Structure formats: structure tokens, C-alpha cells
Amino acid sequence: ANTGMDVMCHAVEAVASIAATSFTDPYAVEAIKLVFGNLERAYKKGDDMDARFNMHNASALAGMAFTNASLGLVHSLAHKIGGEFGVTHGLANAILLPYIIDFNRKATKKYAEVEKVLGIKDLAEEIRKLNAKLGIPATFKDCNEVDFNEAKFKEVLDRMSANAHADPCTLTNPGTPTIADVKAIYAAAYYGKSMK
């Protein structure tokens, strides 16, 4: 589940990246489509070879997309919260992704383009639904993989936010996010607040 949502993250971030091109977008969009169509099946029924084959393809396509277009804030924040708390990278990405789509929406029309191609209303909402089907919590405070102690979260928040903002992936995120924005996203993803 976590690795599959990392694939989703690679694809969604590649689409929204300011370095995205007409060469990278088709790979990323196809990967998103494949993850939505196959990850739940691959997760719930490990011997479903079609679903697993399609997830391998999604992973390769998303890899080609983000290798050429780079990533964004989801990876910036996941890298640093992983370093502070030891949470699995794909799990951190999965929790952060819907909050950052909501945050980025004011700076890019790319999510709307993906929604049109996929025939869905709200990409962030569909990702929240998929996370729930995979047993992935909606917030860091509800994550029991590691101890997301609130006192420690508050203690490291400023440093973690500054470090995440300085991550190279931030450079290709749409808009011009600030350290304060990063801090607000972390708090939203910890407590479950809306970023809309």
C-alpha cells in the first residue's frame, strides 16, 4: 500500500511540477490512472498478477515522469518527517498528498486537467478514499507505525519546516511556498485540518 501510494505521489507531483512538459505528462497521467485502477486489487489480493503487472508499469511510467519533471512539496515534507520520526517514506507521502494537492490548487490548473482526463471531480478526495481503502490513516496523529508524539511534533515543527522548505524538491513545486506554508501543511496533515 505504501509503495503503491509512493508511485501515485511520483505521478501526481510530476504532473504539477513547474518542470513538467508535454513529454512527461502522458507518462504521469497514465500512471495515476493505473494506480487508481489497480492498487486496491494488488493490495487486497496479492496473487492478482494483472493488478501487480499494472502497478509495475505504473511505477516505471511515474519514474520516467518524475525523473524528467522532478517532484514537489509532498516529497520535500516526507523526506524531513521521515528523518525526524522514522515513518515509512510511502506512508508519509500518502498522508501528505491530499493536503498538498489542496494547497497547490491555487497555483496550478494541472490537477483540474487530470480530473478531466480521469472523469473525477476532486483528485485529493479520490486519493483520500483510496488511502482509506488501503488502511492508510488520514493524519499523522492517527498513524501508529511510529510514535507521532504531539509534544515532539511541536518541538521539531519549526526546524522540520525550514529543512523541508530547503529540500531540492521544493524548487519545482507550483507557486512560491514559504516556510510558513510548509509549517501549515505539516500541522494540517498532523491534526486533519483543511488546506482548501
Protein backbone atom coordinates (compact mmCIF):
# COMPACT_ATOMS: atom_id res chain seq x y z
CA ALA A 1 0.00 0.00 0.00
CA ASN A 2 2.73 2.46 0.99
CA THR A 3 4.90 1.72 -2.04
CA GLY A 4 1.90 1.93 -4.35
CA MET A 5 0.98 5.34 -2.97
CA ASP A 6 4.59 6.44 -3.47
CA VAL A 7 4.01 5.64 -7.16
CA MET A 8 0.86 7.79 -7.08
CA CYS A 9 2.87 10.58 -5.46
CA HIS A 10 5.60 10.42 -8.09
CA ALA A 11 3.00 10.72 -10.83
CA VAL A 12 0.86 13.47 -9.25
CA GLU A 13 3.90 15.55 -8.33
CA ALA A 14 5.41 15.13 -11.80
CA VAL A 15 2.17 16.45 -13.34
CA ALA A 16 2.08 19.53 -11.09
CA SER A 17 5.83 20.22 -11.31
CA ILE A 18 6.81 23.52 -12.91
CA ALA A 19 9.32 21.47 -14.94
CA ALA A 20 6.57 19.21 -16.41
CA THR A 21 6.41 19.02 -20.20
CA SER A 22 4.21 17.52 -22.90
CA PHE A 23 6.64 14.57 -22.82
CA THR A 24 6.33 13.87 -19.08
CA ASP A 25 2.59 14.49 -18.61
CA PRO A 26 1.32 11.45 -20.58
CA TYR A 27 3.52 9.10 -18.51
CA ALA A 28 2.36 10.69 -15.25
CA VAL A 29 -1.35 10.69 -16.14
CA GLU A 30 -1.26 7.06 -17.29
CA ALA A 31 0.48 6.11 -14.03
CA ILE A 32 -2.23 7.87 -11.99
CA LYS A 33 -4.91 6.03 -13.95
CA LEU A 34 -3.17 2.68 -13.41
CA VAL A 35 -2.76 3.23 -9.66
CA PHE A 36 -6.43 4.14 -9.24
CA GLY A 37 -7.42 1.08 -11.26
CA ASN A 38 -5.09 -1.50 -9.73
CA LEU A 39 -3.56 -0.64 -6.34
CA GLU A 40 -6.51 -1.68 -4.19
CA ARG A 41 -6.74 -5.02 -6.03
CA ALA A 42 -2.99 -5.63 -5.78
CA TYR A 43 -3.06 -4.77 -2.07
CA LYS A 44 -6.08 -6.89 -1.17
CA LYS A 45 -5.29 -9.85 -3.43
CA GLY A 46 -1.56 -10.32 -3.75
CA ASP A 47 -1.87 -13.12 -6.31
CA ASP A 48 -3.75 -10.88 -8.78
CA MET A 49 -0.99 -10.84 -11.38
CA ASP A 50 -2.81 -8.39 -13.69
CA ALA A 51 -3.08 -5.82 -10.91
CA ARG A 52 0.55 -6.33 -9.92
CA PHE A 53 1.72 -6.12 -13.54
CA ASN A 54 -0.19 -2.87 -13.97
CA MET A 55 1.31 -1.47 -10.76
CA HIS A 56 4.81 -2.31 -12.01
CA ASN A 57 4.00 -0.43 -15.21
CA ALA A 58 2.61 2.48 -13.20
CA SER A 59 5.82 2.59 -11.16
CA ALA A 60 8.01 2.66 -14.28
CA LEU A 61 5.85 5.30 -16.00
CA ALA A 62 5.79 7.51 -12.90
CA GLY A 63 9.56 7.05 -12.60
CA MET A 64 10.09 8.26 -16.16
CA ALA A 65 7.82 11.23 -15.49
CA PHE A 66 9.42 12.44 -12.27
CA THR A 67 13.00 11.71 -13.35
CA ASN A 68 12.46 14.30 -16.08
CA ALA A 69 10.00 16.68 -14.38
CA SER A 70 11.13 16.37 -10.73
CA LEU A 71 8.78 16.41 -7.73
CA GLY A 72 7.36 18.90 -5.21
CA LEU A 73 6.35 19.64 -1.63
CA VAL A 74 4.99 16.16 -0.87
CA HIS A 75 8.46 14.69 -1.18
CA SER A 76 10.11 17.68 0.50
CA LEU A 77 7.90 17.24 3.57
CA ALA A 78 8.00 13.43 3.52
CA HIS A 79 11.81 13.40 3.42
CA LYS A 80 12.05 15.53 6.57
CA ILE A 81 9.24 13.99 8.63
CA GLY A 82 10.74 10.60 7.79
CA GLY A 83 14.08 11.80 9.13
CA GLU A 84 12.53 13.13 12.34
CA PHE A 85 10.12 10.28 13.14
CA GLY A 86 11.25 7.27 11.07
CA VAL A 87 7.90 6.93 9.27
CA THR A 88 7.97 4.90 6.03
CA HIS A 89 8.50 7.19 3.03
CA GLY A 90 5.49 5.97 1.02
CA LEU A 91 3.21 6.25 4.05
CA ALA A 92 4.33 9.83 4.73
CA ASN A 93 3.72 10.65 1.05
CA ALA A 94 0.26 9.09 1.11
CA ILE A 95 -0.81 11.10 4.17
CA LEU A 96 0.62 14.38 2.84
CA LEU A 97 -0.54 14.13 -0.78
CA PRO A 98 -4.20 15.22 -0.45
CA TYR A 99 -3.31 18.18 1.79
CA ILE A 100 -0.69 19.41 -0.68
CA ILE A 101 -2.98 18.99 -3.69
CA ASP A 102 -5.49 21.21 -1.88
CA PHE A 103 -2.73 23.71 -1.04
CA ASN A 104 -1.23 23.76 -4.56
CA ARG A 105 -4.56 24.10 -6.34
CA LYS A 106 -4.42 27.92 -6.18
CA ALA A 107 -1.10 27.87 -8.10
CA THR A 108 -1.78 25.30 -10.85
CA LYS A 109 -4.52 24.13 -13.21
CA LYS A 110 -2.83 20.77 -13.74
CA TYR A 111 -4.96 18.88 -11.19
CA ALA A 112 -8.11 20.08 -12.98
CA GLU A 113 -6.67 18.74 -16.25
CA VAL A 114 -6.02 15.34 -14.64
CA GLU A 115 -9.54 15.30 -13.17
CA LYS A 116 -10.99 15.99 -16.64
CA VAL A 117 -9.00 13.14 -18.24
CA LEU A 118 -9.90 10.70 -15.43
CA GLY A 119 -13.53 11.80 -15.20
CA ILE A 120 -13.35 12.61 -11.48
CA LYS A 121 -14.40 15.72 -9.54
CA ASP A 122 -11.66 16.09 -6.92
CA LEU A 123 -8.27 14.37 -7.14
CA ALA A 124 -7.45 14.96 -3.46
CA GLU A 125 -10.78 13.46 -2.41
CA GLU A 126 -10.28 10.38 -4.59
CA ILE A 127 -6.82 9.90 -3.07
CA ARG A 128 -8.29 10.19 0.44
CA LYS A 129 -10.81 7.47 -0.47
CA LEU A 130 -8.07 5.22 -1.88
CA ASN A 131 -5.92 5.75 1.24
CA ALA A 132 -8.86 4.70 3.42
CA LYS A 133 -9.38 1.52 1.36
CA LEU A 134 -5.68 0.70 1.86
CA GLY A 135 -5.80 1.23 5.63
CA ILE A 136 -3.70 4.39 5.43
CA PRO A 137 -4.62 6.94 8.13
CA ALA A 138 -5.78 10.42 7.14
CA THR A 139 -3.45 12.16 9.61
CA PHE A 140 -0.06 11.70 11.24
CA LYS A 141 -1.62 11.78 14.73
CA ASP A 142 -3.65 8.68 13.78
CA CYS A 143 -0.61 6.89 12.34
CA ASN A 144 0.59 4.06 14.61
CA GLU A 145 3.53 2.88 12.50
CA VAL A 146 5.79 5.08 14.65
CA ASP A 147 5.18 7.22 17.75
CA PHE A 148 3.92 10.56 16.45
CA ASN A 149 4.05 12.12 19.89
CA GLU A 150 2.38 15.57 19.79
CA ALA A 151 4.92 17.16 22.12
CA LYS A 152 7.79 16.01 19.88
CA PHE A 153 5.89 17.12 16.76
CA LYS A 154 5.52 20.63 18.19
CA GLU A 155 9.15 20.63 19.32
CA VAL A 156 10.57 19.78 15.87
CA LEU A 157 7.98 21.59 13.73
CA ASP A 158 9.93 24.81 13.10
CA ARG A 159 13.20 23.06 12.28
CA MET A 160 11.48 20.36 10.21
CA SER A 161 9.54 23.00 8.24
CA ALA A 162 12.67 25.03 7.45
CA ASN A 163 14.52 21.87 6.39
CA ALA A 164 11.61 20.72 4.19
CA HIS A 165 11.41 24.15 2.56
CA ALA A 166 15.13 23.88 1.74
CA ASP A 167 14.69 20.42 0.14
CA PRO A 168 15.53 20.47 -3.61
CA CYS A 169 12.05 19.10 -4.46
CA THR A 170 10.51 22.38 -3.27
CA LEU A 171 12.08 24.16 -6.25
CA THR A 172 9.73 22.52 -8.77
CA ASN A 173 6.54 22.80 -6.70
CA PRO A 174 3.98 25.16 -8.29
CA GLY A 175 3.72 28.64 -6.79
CA THR A 176 6.16 30.06 -4.26
CA PRO A 177 5.55 28.21 -0.98
CA THR A 178 7.09 29.74 2.15
CA ILE A 179 8.38 28.13 5.34
CA ALA A 180 5.13 29.29 6.98
CA ASP A 181 3.17 27.43 4.28
CA VAL A 182 5.18 24.27 4.91
CA LYS A 183 4.53 24.57 8.65
CA ALA A 184 0.79 25.00 7.99
CA ILE A 185 0.73 21.90 5.76
CA TYR A 186 2.53 19.82 8.41
CA ALA A 187 0.02 20.99 11.04
CA ALA A 188 -2.91 20.26 8.73
CA ALA A 189 -1.60 16.75 7.99
CA TYR A 190 -0.94 16.12 11.68
CA TYR A 191 -4.29 17.32 13.02
CA GLY A 192 -6.51 16.78 9.95
CA LYS A 193 -7.20 20.44 9.14
CA SER A 194 -8.35 21.52 5.68
CA MET A 195 -5.87 23.22 3.31
CA LYS A 196 -8.63 24.43 0.95
